[in-house]
Amino acid sequence: MKLKHFLLGFLLAFFLFGCIKPVENIVDISFLNQNLDSYLGEKVTVEGYLGHKAYHGSAGFHILIKDYNEFFIREPLPEYTYLLVDDGDAPLSTDFEGMKLKITGTINEYDGYSITRVAVITVEELEVIG
């Protein structure tokens, strides 16, 4: 009987605590750009659609944008709606063009010419989510 209760308690604990994923704090691209000083040097997770540098890139960076259609209806891109993506030593294939990605990485500021301040995320983790 004690073994039965132990196994039942173990299974219940596993189900309740072992199957629950921690909540991820995903930072909105616009919020990040508008509060860039608060995020410089920080590791964050963002979501957006990839504009591969072969097609839409800027200064050798890919672009992660909130709404992929913005590439086709607006030029220049609306302020704060995108950030630059540094893929570092693991170049992203053009197959990622237009895909919705979740990227975790460290935030820096683009130091080239730009009318507004733009965040750059250096990719540490990447997940295709759509």
Foldseek 3Di string as FASTA:
>chain_A
DVVVVVVVVVVVCCVVPVPDDDDFDEDQQLVCQVPVVVQAFHKHKYKAAWAACVGDNDPPWIKGFHDLCQVPPDPPRDPSGIATEAAPPDDDDCVSHGFMKIFIFGWHWDPDDDPGIHIYGYGDDMDGDD
